[in-house]
Amino acid sequence: MVVFELSLIAQGFRAKH
């Protein structure tokens, strides 16, 4: 699912920032 992947990427991005 694209939404699931986006959620994971968003979490990783937010964690980095």
C-alpha atoms as a PDB file:
ATOM      1  CA  MET A   1       0.000   0.000   0.000  1.00  0.00           C
ATOM      2  CA  VAL A   2       1.298   3.432  -0.884  1.00  0.00           C
ATOM      3  CA  VAL A   3      -0.260   4.995   2.210  1.00  0.00           C
ATOM      4  CA  PHE A   4       1.605   2.590   4.463  1.00  0.00           C
ATOM      5  CA  GLU A   5       4.926   3.320   2.776  1.00  0.00           C
ATOM      6  CA  LEU A   6       4.274   7.056   2.914  1.00  0.00           C
ATOM      7  CA  SER A   7       3.473   6.770   6.617  1.00  0.00           C
ATOM      8  CA  LEU A   8       6.747   4.964   7.290  1.00  0.00           C
ATOM      9  CA  ILE A   9       8.738   7.457   5.234  1.00  0.00           C
ATOM     10  CA  ALA A  10       6.993  10.374   6.946  1.00  0.00           C
ATOM     11  CA  GLN A  11       7.821   8.911  10.363  1.00  0.00           C
ATOM     12  CA  GLY A  12      11.465   8.462   9.420  1.00  0.00           C
ATOM     13  CA  PHE A  13      11.631  11.965   7.966  1.00  0.00           C
ATOM     14  CA  ARG A  14      10.069  13.499  11.064  1.00  0.00           C
ATOM     15  CA  ALA A  15      12.393  11.490  13.301  1.00  0.00           C
ATOM     16  CA  LYS A  16      15.396  12.819  11.385  1.00  0.00           C
ATOM     17  CA  HIS A  17      14.244  16.416  11.654  1.00  0.00           C
END
